[in-house]
Every structure is written in C-alpha cells, then in structure tokens.
Amino acid sequence: MHTSSRSRPRSDAWPRFTLLIGGVRSGKSRFAVDLAKRFNGRIVYLATCQPQDREMRQRIAHHQQERPTQWRTIEHPANLASTLVRLDGHADGAIIDCLTMYVSELLMGRQSDATIQKRIERLCETIQTRPYPVIMVTNEVGSGVVPMHPLGRRFRDMAGLANQIAARCADQVYVLVAGIPTLIKEPAR
C-alpha cells in the first residue's frame, strides 16, 4: 500500500543514515523494522544473508514474519551500493540487514581486505547521497573471544573496520543490548 507524498513526512525529516549495532539477538532487526515503519511509505528490505542450512532458513523466516507484508525484500544483493542507487524514485526508505553478513560474503568471495574496505566506504558514501533514509544493521564482533582460526580473525577485523567506517559516516548510531536501544551518536543539528 502506497501513501501519498502529502501524508508522508518529508524524507529530510529523518536522518539520512542510521546505524544499529549490537550483539547477536540484541533486538537490532526488530528495532530497525520499528524505525522504518515510521517512514510511512515504500520500504525496501535488503537482506544480505544467503541461507546455507535449515536453521538459517528458519531464522530468515522468523525475520520475514516481523516485517510488514507490503514491504519489498531484495535477497542477498551482490552490490549494495548499486542496488541502493537503483531504488531512487522507488523507495521511501530502506533497511540493510546486515553489514556483517555482507562483509562475510565479500570475504568468502575472496575479496582482498583493501577491496572490502573500499566497497564498504563506497556503500556508506552512497547511503549519504540517497534521497531516502537508510537504516543499517550490523553486529558488534569485537566483544567476543579471539577466534582460533586465521579466517575467523580476519572476519572479526574486517567486520570491526566496516563498523567503524559505517559509524563514522552515519548520522546517528544506536547500540542495542538486551533489546534496549541506546543512542550513542546523534544527528548534527
């Protein structure tokens, strides 16, 4: 269902780029959905996870049930920045869920650290110039144990770097713990 632009708040009424960061099962995705419902329009959900097993498919199904049925979902887009550009004029808001899985896909695609960093920087720059607000979900991975394997350590390091890039570029940042969002970076007034 599409509401007219007159009944919708102006897109500049919302921060252009909101980052939600927290641990696994901290309530990030639910909070992202709650925030995006306030956009009152055509919302696109960019799901970056490719299900590899039954348990992951069940998790994805649970997330899908929490979203309004009229929202459009794009499953695991290969290039998030290009996808966001193509949504211009076709979206009143977007959710990227999640940056951590996107970094994982890039790593598994054998991208170099430098290439991954450039892709994340380009993604964040693209978000900043969209005519609609974007909410990005990501996992905080630096609070856990040091992974035993080199690939695990590389993932943790690249995800941490991606989170830093996103937090630097975002207009506002929330950290979520036990389902409770805390604003840690406010939009400039």
N, C-alpha and C. Protein backbone atom coordinates (compact mmCIF):
# COMPACT_ATOMS: atom_id res chain seq x y z
N MET A 1 0.84 -1.17 0.00
CA MET A 1 0.00 0.00 0.00
C MET A 1 0.88 1.23 0.00
N HIS A 2 0.62 2.14 -0.89
CA HIS A 2 1.43 3.34 -1.02
C HIS A 2 0.62 4.54 -0.56
N THR A 3 1.18 5.33 0.33
CA THR A 3 0.51 6.55 0.76
C THR A 3 0.99 7.70 -0.07
N SER A 4 0.17 8.71 -0.17
CA SER A 4 0.58 9.87 -0.98
C SER A 4 1.71 10.61 -0.30
N SER A 5 2.47 11.34 -1.12
CA SER A 5 3.61 12.08 -0.56
C SER A 5 3.15 13.17 0.38
N ARG A 6 1.89 13.62 0.28
CA ARG A 6 1.39 14.65 1.19
C ARG A 6 1.21 14.12 2.60
N SER A 7 0.82 12.85 2.75
CA SER A 7 0.59 12.30 4.08
C SER A 7 1.87 11.76 4.71
N ARG A 8 2.91 11.65 3.94
CA ARG A 8 4.18 11.12 4.40
C ARG A 8 5.06 12.25 4.92
N PRO A 9 5.78 12.04 6.03
CA PRO A 9 6.74 13.06 6.45
C PRO A 9 7.80 13.24 5.37
N ARG A 10 8.30 14.44 5.23
CA ARG A 10 9.37 14.70 4.26
C ARG A 10 10.55 13.79 4.58
N SER A 11 11.24 13.32 3.50
CA SER A 11 12.36 12.41 3.72
C SER A 11 13.48 13.07 4.50
N ASP A 12 13.55 14.43 4.45
CA ASP A 12 14.61 15.09 5.21
C ASP A 12 14.26 15.22 6.69
N ALA A 13 13.05 14.75 7.07
CA ALA A 13 12.67 14.76 8.48
C ALA A 13 13.37 13.63 9.24
N TRP A 14 13.93 12.67 8.52
CA TRP A 14 14.61 11.53 9.12
C TRP A 14 16.10 11.64 8.87
N PRO A 15 16.91 11.15 9.79
CA PRO A 15 18.36 11.10 9.50
C PRO A 15 18.58 10.27 8.24
N ARG A 16 19.48 10.69 7.40
CA ARG A 16 19.76 10.00 6.14
C ARG A 16 20.29 8.59 6.40
N PHE A 17 21.14 8.44 7.41
CA PHE A 17 21.83 7.17 7.63
C PHE A 17 21.83 6.86 9.12
N THR A 18 21.14 5.78 9.49
CA THR A 18 21.08 5.32 10.88
C THR A 18 21.76 3.96 10.95
N LEU A 19 22.70 3.81 11.88
CA LEU A 19 23.38 2.54 12.10
C LEU A 19 22.92 1.95 13.42
N LEU A 20 22.55 0.66 13.40
CA LEU A 20 22.17 -0.08 14.60
C LEU A 20 23.20 -1.17 14.80
N ILE A 21 23.87 -1.13 15.95
CA ILE A 21 24.93 -2.10 16.23
C ILE A 21 24.67 -2.77 17.57
N GLY A 22 24.97 -4.05 17.62
CA GLY A 22 24.79 -4.78 18.87
C GLY A 22 25.16 -6.24 18.65
N GLY A 23 25.10 -7.00 19.72
CA GLY A 23 25.43 -8.41 19.65
C GLY A 23 24.32 -9.20 18.98
N VAL A 24 24.56 -10.48 18.80
CA VAL A 24 23.58 -11.38 18.22
C VAL A 24 22.36 -11.43 19.13
N ARG A 25 21.16 -11.39 18.53
CA ARG A 25 19.88 -11.46 19.26
C ARG A 25 19.71 -10.30 20.24
N SER A 26 20.26 -9.15 19.90
CA SER A 26 20.12 -7.98 20.78
C SER A 26 18.89 -7.14 20.45
N GLY A 27 18.16 -7.49 19.40
CA GLY A 27 16.96 -6.74 19.03
C GLY A 27 17.16 -5.74 17.92
N LYS A 28 18.30 -5.83 17.22
CA LYS A 28 18.63 -4.85 16.16
C LYS A 28 17.62 -4.87 15.02
N SER A 29 17.33 -6.05 14.50
CA SER A 29 16.42 -6.15 13.35
C SER A 29 15.02 -5.68 13.71
N ARG A 30 14.53 -6.06 14.87
CA ARG A 30 13.20 -5.63 15.31
C ARG A 30 13.16 -4.11 15.44
N PHE A 31 14.19 -3.53 16.01
CA PHE A 31 14.25 -2.08 16.16
C PHE A 31 14.32 -1.40 14.80
N ALA A 32 15.07 -1.98 13.86
CA ALA A 32 15.15 -1.43 12.51
C ALA A 32 13.77 -1.40 11.86
N VAL A 33 13.03 -2.48 12.01
CA VAL A 33 11.67 -2.54 11.46
C VAL A 33 10.79 -1.47 12.12
N ASP A 34 10.87 -1.35 13.43
CA ASP A 34 10.07 -0.35 14.13
C ASP A 34 10.40 1.07 13.65
N LEU A 35 11.67 1.37 13.47
CA LEU A 35 12.06 2.69 12.96
C LEU A 35 11.54 2.91 11.55
N ALA A 36 11.70 1.92 10.68
CA ALA A 36 11.32 2.08 9.28
C ALA A 36 9.80 2.21 9.12
N LYS A 37 9.03 1.64 10.00
CA LYS A 37 7.57 1.78 9.93
C LYS A 37 7.18 3.26 10.00
N ARG A 38 7.98 4.07 10.63
CA ARG A 38 7.70 5.50 10.76
C ARG A 38 7.86 6.25 9.45
N PHE A 39 8.52 5.63 8.47
CA PHE A 39 8.73 6.29 7.18
C PHE A 39 7.43 6.37 6.37
N ASN A 40 6.45 5.52 6.69
CA ASN A 40 5.13 5.57 6.05
C ASN A 40 5.18 5.56 4.54
N GLY A 41 5.82 4.59 3.97
CA GLY A 41 5.86 4.56 2.52
C GLY A 41 6.42 3.25 2.01
N ARG A 42 7.04 3.34 0.86
CA ARG A 42 7.60 2.17 0.18
C ARG A 42 8.96 1.84 0.82
N ILE A 43 8.98 0.79 1.61
CA ILE A 43 10.20 0.38 2.31
C ILE A 43 10.78 -0.84 1.60
N VAL A 44 12.08 -0.82 1.40
CA VAL A 44 12.78 -1.95 0.79
C VAL A 44 13.73 -2.52 1.84
N TYR A 45 13.64 -3.83 2.01
CA TYR A 45 14.47 -4.55 2.97
C TYR A 45 15.54 -5.30 2.18
N LEU A 46 16.79 -4.92 2.37
CA LEU A 46 17.90 -5.57 1.68
C LEU A 46 18.50 -6.60 2.62
N ALA A 47 18.22 -7.86 2.35
CA ALA A 47 18.66 -8.97 3.20
C ALA A 47 19.96 -9.54 2.63
N THR A 48 21.04 -9.46 3.40
CA THR A 48 22.35 -9.83 2.88
C THR A 48 22.73 -11.29 3.16
N CYS A 49 21.93 -12.00 3.92
CA CYS A 49 22.27 -13.37 4.30
C CYS A 49 21.81 -14.37 3.25
N GLN A 50 22.70 -15.26 2.85
CA GLN A 50 22.35 -16.38 1.99
C GLN A 50 22.23 -17.61 2.88
N PRO A 51 21.02 -18.16 3.00
CA PRO A 51 20.85 -19.31 3.89
C PRO A 51 21.62 -20.53 3.39
N GLN A 52 22.39 -21.12 4.27
CA GLN A 52 23.20 -22.28 3.91
C GLN A 52 22.67 -23.58 4.52
N ASP A 53 21.73 -23.44 5.47
CA ASP A 53 21.22 -24.64 6.13
C ASP A 53 19.79 -24.38 6.63
N ARG A 54 19.18 -25.42 7.16
CA ARG A 54 17.78 -25.35 7.62
C ARG A 54 17.62 -24.34 8.75
N GLU A 55 18.51 -24.37 9.71
CA GLU A 55 18.41 -23.46 10.86
C GLU A 55 18.46 -22.00 10.39
N MET A 56 19.33 -21.68 9.44
CA MET A 56 19.43 -20.31 8.95
C MET A 56 18.16 -19.93 8.18
N ARG A 57 17.60 -20.86 7.42
CA ARG A 57 16.34 -20.58 6.72
C ARG A 57 15.23 -20.29 7.72
N GLN A 58 15.22 -20.98 8.85
CA GLN A 58 14.22 -20.73 9.89
C GLN A 58 14.40 -19.33 10.50
N ARG A 59 15.63 -18.95 10.72
CA ARG A 59 15.90 -17.60 11.26
C ARG A 59 15.40 -16.54 10.28
N ILE A 60 15.68 -16.74 9.01
CA ILE A 60 15.25 -15.79 7.98
C ILE A 60 13.73 -15.72 7.95
N ALA A 61 13.06 -16.86 8.01
CA ALA A 61 11.60 -16.88 8.01
C ALA A 61 11.04 -16.11 9.20
N HIS A 62 11.67 -16.25 10.35
CA HIS A 62 11.23 -15.51 11.55
C HIS A 62 11.36 -14.00 11.31
N HIS A 63 12.48 -13.56 10.76
CA HIS A 63 12.67 -12.13 10.45
C HIS A 63 11.62 -11.65 9.45
N GLN A 64 11.33 -12.47 8.45
CA GLN A 64 10.35 -12.07 7.44
C GLN A 64 8.97 -11.87 8.05
N GLN A 65 8.61 -12.68 9.02
CA GLN A 65 7.30 -12.58 9.67
C GLN A 65 7.16 -11.28 10.47
N GLU A 66 8.28 -10.70 10.89
CA GLU A 66 8.23 -9.47 11.67
C GLU A 66 8.07 -8.22 10.80
N ARG A 67 8.24 -8.38 9.48
CA ARG A 67 8.14 -7.24 8.56
C ARG A 67 6.73 -7.10 8.01
N PRO A 68 6.32 -5.85 7.76
CA PRO A 68 5.03 -5.65 7.08
C PRO A 68 5.04 -6.33 5.71
N THR A 69 3.94 -6.95 5.35
CA THR A 69 3.88 -7.72 4.12
C THR A 69 4.00 -6.86 2.86
N GLN A 70 3.66 -5.58 2.95
CA GLN A 70 3.73 -4.72 1.76
C GLN A 70 5.16 -4.25 1.46
N TRP A 71 6.09 -4.48 2.35
CA TRP A 71 7.47 -4.10 2.08
C TRP A 71 8.06 -5.02 1.02
N ARG A 72 8.93 -4.44 0.22
CA ARG A 72 9.65 -5.22 -0.79
C ARG A 72 10.94 -5.74 -0.17
N THR A 73 11.27 -7.00 -0.44
CA THR A 73 12.52 -7.57 0.04
C THR A 73 13.39 -7.92 -1.16
N ILE A 74 14.65 -7.54 -1.08
CA ILE A 74 15.64 -7.95 -2.08
C ILE A 74 16.63 -8.85 -1.35
N GLU A 75 16.67 -10.10 -1.75
CA GLU A 75 17.53 -11.09 -1.10
C GLU A 75 18.95 -11.03 -1.64
N HIS A 76 19.89 -11.00 -0.72
CA HIS A 76 21.34 -11.01 -0.93
C HIS A 76 21.79 -10.33 -2.23
N PRO A 77 21.60 -8.99 -2.30
CA PRO A 77 22.11 -8.26 -3.47
C PRO A 77 23.64 -8.32 -3.49
N ALA A 78 24.20 -8.53 -4.67
CA ALA A 78 25.66 -8.67 -4.80
C ALA A 78 26.37 -7.34 -4.54
N ASN A 79 25.76 -6.24 -4.95
CA ASN A 79 26.39 -4.94 -4.78
C ASN A 79 25.38 -4.00 -4.14
N LEU A 80 25.52 -3.80 -2.83
CA LEU A 80 24.55 -2.99 -2.10
C LEU A 80 24.49 -1.55 -2.59
N ALA A 81 25.63 -0.95 -2.88
CA ALA A 81 25.65 0.45 -3.31
C ALA A 81 24.86 0.63 -4.61
N SER A 82 25.10 -0.22 -5.59
CA SER A 82 24.38 -0.13 -6.86
C SER A 82 22.89 -0.38 -6.67
N THR A 83 22.55 -1.32 -5.80
CA THR A 83 21.15 -1.62 -5.53
C THR A 83 20.45 -0.40 -4.94
N LEU A 84 21.11 0.28 -4.01
CA LEU A 84 20.52 1.48 -3.41
C LEU A 84 20.29 2.57 -4.45
N VAL A 85 21.21 2.75 -5.36
CA VAL A 85 21.07 3.77 -6.42
C VAL A 85 19.86 3.43 -7.30
N ARG A 86 19.70 2.16 -7.62
CA ARG A 86 18.57 1.75 -8.47
C ARG A 86 17.22 1.95 -7.78
N LEU A 87 17.22 2.08 -6.46
CA LEU A 87 15.97 2.28 -5.73
C LEU A 87 15.51 3.74 -5.74
N ASP A 88 16.35 4.66 -6.19
CA ASP A 88 15.95 6.08 -6.25
C ASP A 88 14.64 6.21 -7.00
N GLY A 89 13.68 6.90 -6.40
CA GLY A 89 12.37 7.08 -7.01
C GLY A 89 11.42 5.91 -6.79
N HIS A 90 11.94 4.80 -6.21
CA HIS A 90 11.12 3.61 -6.00
C HIS A 90 11.06 3.22 -4.52
N ALA A 91 11.67 4.02 -3.65
CA ALA A 91 11.69 3.69 -2.22
C ALA A 91 11.59 4.97 -1.41
N ASP A 92 10.92 4.85 -0.27
CA ASP A 92 10.83 5.96 0.69
C ASP A 92 11.69 5.68 1.91
N GLY A 93 12.35 4.54 1.92
CA GLY A 93 13.24 4.14 3.00
C GLY A 93 13.76 2.74 2.74
N ALA A 94 14.90 2.41 3.34
CA ALA A 94 15.49 1.09 3.15
C ALA A 94 16.16 0.62 4.44
N ILE A 95 16.18 -0.68 4.59
CA ILE A 95 16.91 -1.33 5.68
C ILE A 95 17.93 -2.26 5.05
N ILE A 96 19.16 -2.19 5.52
CA ILE A 96 20.20 -3.15 5.14
C ILE A 96 20.43 -4.04 6.35
N ASP A 97 20.17 -5.33 6.20
CA ASP A 97 20.30 -6.25 7.32
C ASP A 97 21.02 -7.50 6.82
N CYS A 98 22.31 -7.66 7.05
CA CYS A 98 23.13 -6.78 7.85
C CYS A 98 24.52 -6.61 7.22
N LEU A 99 25.21 -5.59 7.68
CA LEU A 99 26.55 -5.28 7.18
C LEU A 99 27.52 -6.43 7.47
N THR A 100 27.39 -7.06 8.60
CA THR A 100 28.30 -8.14 8.98
C THR A 100 28.22 -9.31 8.00
N MET A 101 27.01 -9.66 7.59
CA MET A 101 26.86 -10.75 6.62
C MET A 101 27.39 -10.33 5.25
N TYR A 102 27.25 -9.05 4.92
CA TYR A 102 27.78 -8.54 3.66
C TYR A 102 29.31 -8.67 3.65
N VAL A 103 29.94 -8.32 4.76
CA VAL A 103 31.40 -8.47 4.88
C VAL A 103 31.78 -9.94 4.75
N SER A 104 31.01 -10.81 5.37
CA SER A 104 31.27 -12.25 5.28
C SER A 104 31.19 -12.73 3.83
N GLU A 105 30.18 -12.28 3.10
CA GLU A 105 30.04 -12.66 1.69
C GLU A 105 31.24 -12.19 0.88
N LEU A 106 31.70 -10.98 1.14
CA LEU A 106 32.86 -10.45 0.42
C LEU A 106 34.11 -11.28 0.74
N LEU A 107 34.27 -11.63 2.02
CA LEU A 107 35.41 -12.46 2.41
C LEU A 107 35.35 -13.83 1.73
N MET A 108 34.17 -14.44 1.73
CA MET A 108 34.03 -15.77 1.13
C MET A 108 34.18 -15.68 -0.39
N GLY A 109 33.97 -14.50 -0.96
CA GLY A 109 34.18 -14.28 -2.38
C GLY A 109 35.64 -13.98 -2.70
N ARG A 110 36.48 -14.15 -1.70
CA ARG A 110 37.93 -14.00 -1.85
C ARG A 110 38.36 -12.58 -2.22
N GLN A 111 37.60 -11.59 -1.72
CA GLN A 111 37.98 -10.19 -1.93
C GLN A 111 39.13 -9.85 -0.98
N SER A 112 40.01 -8.99 -1.43
CA SER A 112 41.13 -8.55 -0.57
C SER A 112 40.59 -7.61 0.50
N ASP A 113 41.35 -7.44 1.58
CA ASP A 113 40.97 -6.51 2.64
C ASP A 113 40.78 -5.10 2.08
N ALA A 114 41.68 -4.68 1.21
CA ALA A 114 41.59 -3.33 0.62
C ALA A 114 40.31 -3.19 -0.21
N THR A 115 39.96 -4.21 -0.97
CA THR A 115 38.74 -4.17 -1.78
C THR A 115 37.51 -4.12 -0.90
N ILE A 116 37.50 -4.92 0.16
CA ILE A 116 36.36 -4.91 1.09
C ILE A 116 36.20 -3.53 1.71
N GLN A 117 37.29 -2.96 2.17
CA GLN A 117 37.24 -1.63 2.77
C GLN A 117 36.69 -0.60 1.77
N LYS A 118 37.14 -0.65 0.53
CA LYS A 118 36.65 0.29 -0.49
C LYS A 118 35.16 0.07 -0.76
N ARG A 119 34.72 -1.18 -0.78
CA ARG A 119 33.29 -1.46 -1.02
C ARG A 119 32.44 -0.90 0.11
N ILE A 120 32.92 -1.02 1.35
CA ILE A 120 32.17 -0.50 2.50
C ILE A 120 32.16 1.03 2.47
N GLU A 121 33.29 1.63 2.16
CA GLU A 121 33.34 3.10 2.06
C GLU A 121 32.40 3.59 0.97
N ARG A 122 32.41 2.92 -0.19
CA ARG A 122 31.51 3.32 -1.28
C ARG A 122 30.05 3.15 -0.87
N LEU A 123 29.74 2.06 -0.20
CA LEU A 123 28.38 1.83 0.28
C LEU A 123 27.93 2.97 1.19
N CYS A 124 28.77 3.33 2.15
CA CYS A 124 28.40 4.40 3.09
C CYS A 124 28.27 5.75 2.39
N GLU A 125 29.16 6.03 1.45
CA GLU A 125 29.05 7.28 0.68
C GLU A 125 27.76 7.28 -0.14
N THR A 126 27.39 6.15 -0.69
CA THR A 126 26.16 6.04 -1.47
C THR A 126 24.94 6.29 -0.58
N ILE A 127 24.94 5.72 0.61
CA ILE A 127 23.82 5.93 1.55
C ILE A 127 23.66 7.42 1.84
N GLN A 128 24.77 8.11 2.06
CA GLN A 128 24.72 9.54 2.41
C GLN A 128 24.08 10.39 1.32
N THR A 129 24.06 9.92 0.08
CA THR A 129 23.53 10.73 -1.02
C THR A 129 22.17 10.25 -1.51
N ARG A 130 21.57 9.27 -0.86
CA ARG A 130 20.27 8.79 -1.31
C ARG A 130 19.18 9.80 -0.93
N PRO A 131 18.10 9.86 -1.72
CA PRO A 131 17.01 10.77 -1.41
C PRO A 131 16.02 10.19 -0.38
N TYR A 132 16.35 9.08 0.22
CA TYR A 132 15.51 8.43 1.22
C TYR A 132 16.40 7.95 2.36
N PRO A 133 15.84 7.78 3.57
CA PRO A 133 16.65 7.33 4.71
C PRO A 133 16.97 5.84 4.64
N VAL A 134 18.14 5.49 5.15
CA VAL A 134 18.60 4.10 5.17
C VAL A 134 18.98 3.74 6.61
N ILE A 135 18.51 2.58 7.04
CA ILE A 135 18.87 2.02 8.34
C ILE A 135 19.74 0.81 8.06
N MET A 136 20.92 0.78 8.67
CA MET A 136 21.84 -0.35 8.50
C MET A 136 21.99 -1.07 9.83
N VAL A 137 21.87 -2.38 9.78
CA VAL A 137 22.05 -3.24 10.95
C VAL A 137 23.42 -3.90 10.85
N THR A 138 24.11 -4.02 11.98
CA THR A 138 25.40 -4.70 11.99
C THR A 138 25.64 -5.31 13.37
N ASN A 139 26.49 -6.33 13.40
CA ASN A 139 26.84 -6.99 14.66
C ASN A 139 28.11 -6.42 15.25
N GLU A 140 28.11 -6.23 16.55
CA GLU A 140 29.35 -5.88 17.26
C GLU A 140 30.11 -7.19 17.47
N VAL A 141 31.28 -7.30 16.87
CA VAL A 141 32.04 -8.55 16.92
C VAL A 141 33.30 -8.45 17.78
N GLY A 142 33.61 -7.28 18.26
CA GLY A 142 34.86 -7.09 18.99
C GLY A 142 34.79 -7.41 20.47
N SER A 143 33.61 -7.74 20.97
CA SER A 143 33.48 -8.00 22.40
C SER A 143 33.62 -9.48 22.76
N GLY A 144 33.77 -10.32 21.74
CA GLY A 144 33.86 -11.76 21.99
C GLY A 144 35.29 -12.22 22.13
N VAL A 145 35.45 -13.52 22.12
CA VAL A 145 36.77 -14.12 22.23
C VAL A 145 37.52 -13.98 20.90
N VAL A 146 38.84 -14.10 20.95
CA VAL A 146 39.65 -14.06 19.74
C VAL A 146 39.47 -15.40 19.03
N PRO A 147 39.03 -15.37 17.75
CA PRO A 147 38.83 -16.62 17.03
C PRO A 147 40.11 -17.44 16.91
N MET A 148 39.97 -18.75 16.89
CA MET A 148 41.13 -19.64 16.82
C MET A 148 41.77 -19.67 15.44
N HIS A 149 40.99 -19.47 14.40
CA HIS A 149 41.47 -19.65 13.03
C HIS A 149 41.74 -18.31 12.35
N PRO A 150 42.71 -18.29 11.45
CA PRO A 150 43.04 -17.03 10.75
C PRO A 150 41.86 -16.39 10.02
N LEU A 151 41.01 -17.20 9.37
CA LEU A 151 39.86 -16.63 8.67
C LEU A 151 38.89 -15.98 9.66
N GLY A 152 38.70 -16.60 10.80
CA GLY A 152 37.85 -16.02 11.85
C GLY A 152 38.39 -14.69 12.34
N ARG A 153 39.71 -14.62 12.53
CA ARG A 153 40.32 -13.36 12.97
C ARG A 153 40.22 -12.30 11.88
N ARG A 154 40.39 -12.71 10.64
CA ARG A 154 40.28 -11.76 9.53
C ARG A 154 38.84 -11.23 9.45
N PHE A 155 37.86 -12.12 9.59
CA PHE A 155 36.46 -11.69 9.58
C PHE A 155 36.20 -10.69 10.70
N ARG A 156 36.63 -11.02 11.91
CA ARG A 156 36.42 -10.12 13.05
C ARG A 156 37.05 -8.77 12.77
N ASP A 157 38.27 -8.76 12.25
CA ASP A 157 38.96 -7.49 11.97
C ASP A 157 38.26 -6.69 10.88
N MET A 158 37.84 -7.36 9.80
CA MET A 158 37.17 -6.65 8.71
C MET A 158 35.79 -6.16 9.12
N ALA A 159 35.07 -6.96 9.91
CA ALA A 159 33.76 -6.51 10.39
C ALA A 159 33.92 -5.32 11.33
N GLY A 160 34.94 -5.36 12.19
CA GLY A 160 35.19 -4.23 13.07
C GLY A 160 35.54 -2.97 12.30
N LEU A 161 36.36 -3.10 11.27
CA LEU A 161 36.71 -1.96 10.42
C LEU A 161 35.48 -1.44 9.68
N ALA A 162 34.66 -2.36 9.15
CA ALA A 162 33.43 -1.95 8.45
C ALA A 162 32.51 -1.20 9.39
N ASN A 163 32.39 -1.67 10.63
CA ASN A 163 31.56 -0.98 11.62
C ASN A 163 32.08 0.42 11.91
N GLN A 164 33.40 0.56 12.00
CA GLN A 164 33.97 1.89 12.24
C GLN A 164 33.68 2.84 11.08
N ILE A 165 33.81 2.34 9.86
CA ILE A 165 33.52 3.17 8.68
C ILE A 165 32.06 3.59 8.70
N ALA A 166 31.17 2.63 8.93
CA ALA A 166 29.74 2.93 8.94
C ALA A 166 29.38 3.91 10.06
N ALA A 167 29.93 3.71 11.24
CA ALA A 167 29.63 4.61 12.37
C ALA A 167 30.14 6.03 12.11
N ARG A 168 31.28 6.13 11.47
CA ARG A 168 31.83 7.45 11.13
C ARG A 168 30.92 8.18 10.14
N CYS A 169 30.38 7.45 9.18
CA CYS A 169 29.55 8.05 8.12
C CYS A 169 28.10 8.26 8.54
N ALA A 170 27.61 7.48 9.50
CA ALA A 170 26.21 7.53 9.89
C ALA A 170 25.87 8.86 10.57
N ASP A 171 24.63 9.29 10.35
CA ASP A 171 24.13 10.48 11.03
C ASP A 171 23.80 10.18 12.48
N GLN A 172 23.28 8.99 12.72
CA GLN A 172 23.00 8.58 14.10
C GLN A 172 23.33 7.11 14.25
N VAL A 173 23.73 6.75 15.47
CA VAL A 173 24.12 5.37 15.77
C VAL A 173 23.46 4.97 17.10
N TYR A 174 22.83 3.80 17.06
CA TYR A 174 22.27 3.20 18.27
C TYR A 174 23.05 1.92 18.56
N VAL A 175 23.31 1.66 19.83
CA VAL A 175 23.81 0.36 20.25
C VAL A 175 22.65 -0.32 20.97
N LEU A 176 22.46 -1.62 20.68
CA LEU A 176 21.38 -2.36 21.32
C LEU A 176 21.95 -3.45 22.20
N VAL A 177 21.42 -3.53 23.41
CA VAL A 177 21.78 -4.57 24.37
C VAL A 177 20.48 -5.06 24.98
N ALA A 178 20.23 -6.37 24.92
CA ALA A 178 19.05 -6.98 25.52
C ALA A 178 17.76 -6.31 25.06
N GLY A 179 17.72 -5.91 23.79
CA GLY A 179 16.52 -5.29 23.23
C GLY A 179 16.34 -3.83 23.54
N ILE A 180 17.31 -3.24 24.23
CA ILE A 180 17.20 -1.83 24.62
C ILE A 180 18.15 -1.00 23.76
N PRO A 181 17.58 -0.07 22.95
CA PRO A 181 18.43 0.80 22.13
C PRO A 181 18.92 2.00 22.92
N THR A 182 20.20 2.30 22.75
CA THR A 182 20.79 3.49 23.35
C THR A 182 21.44 4.31 22.25
N LEU A 183 21.03 5.56 22.11
CA LEU A 183 21.58 6.45 21.10
C LEU A 183 22.98 6.87 21.53
N ILE A 184 23.99 6.57 20.69
CA ILE A 184 25.37 6.93 21.04
C ILE A 184 25.96 7.98 20.10
N LYS A 185 25.25 8.26 18.99
CA LYS A 185 25.67 9.34 18.09
C LYS A 185 24.40 9.98 17.55
N GLU A 186 24.28 11.28 17.80
CA GLU A 186 23.08 12.00 17.36
C GLU A 186 23.35 12.76 16.08
N PRO A 187 22.29 12.97 15.28
CA PRO A 187 22.44 13.76 14.06
C PRO A 187 22.85 15.19 14.42
N ALA A 188 23.69 15.78 13.57
CA ALA A 188 24.08 17.18 13.76
C ALA A 188 22.84 18.04 13.56
N ARG A 189 22.68 19.02 14.38
CA ARG A 189 21.52 19.92 14.27
C ARG A 189 21.87 21.13 13.46
